[in-house]
Amino acid sequence: MGRLLLSTVAVWLVLIIIRFVFQTVSIAVIRILDRRPSQRHRRMTYRARVVSSIAGFRGAVSLAIALSVPSALNDGSPLPGRDDIIFITAGVIVFDHARPRPATARSSPLGETSR
């Protein structure tokens, strides 16, 4: 059980990092390709990227994919690791739903006054 919890936390942290890197790279590519002045008004701030990375997704598709992993192999024997996949996926979804509330409240750009 301890190994699964550690794996769940590790996967959750890696997903946060991947979300942040994806957003940063996407924004950099858009800035390189689209140089219109109006694009400057649409730019996402660093703080907004952090909030978006931590907030995550709802997880319905992830859980559906995890549950679609077959429970048995072609010869009828149980598929090893299926329960681990479901546990880790569900754990990441729980962390995504439970953790961001305190973190996003402190770093949310919505609390800032307009300049």
Foldseek 3Di string as FASTA:
>chain_A
DVVLVVVLVVVLVVQLVVQLVVVVVVLVVCVVVDVDPVVVVVDDDSLNSNLVSLLDDQLPVQLVVLVPPDQADPVRHGDPCSVSSNSSSVSSNVSSVPPSPVVCVVRPPVPDDDD
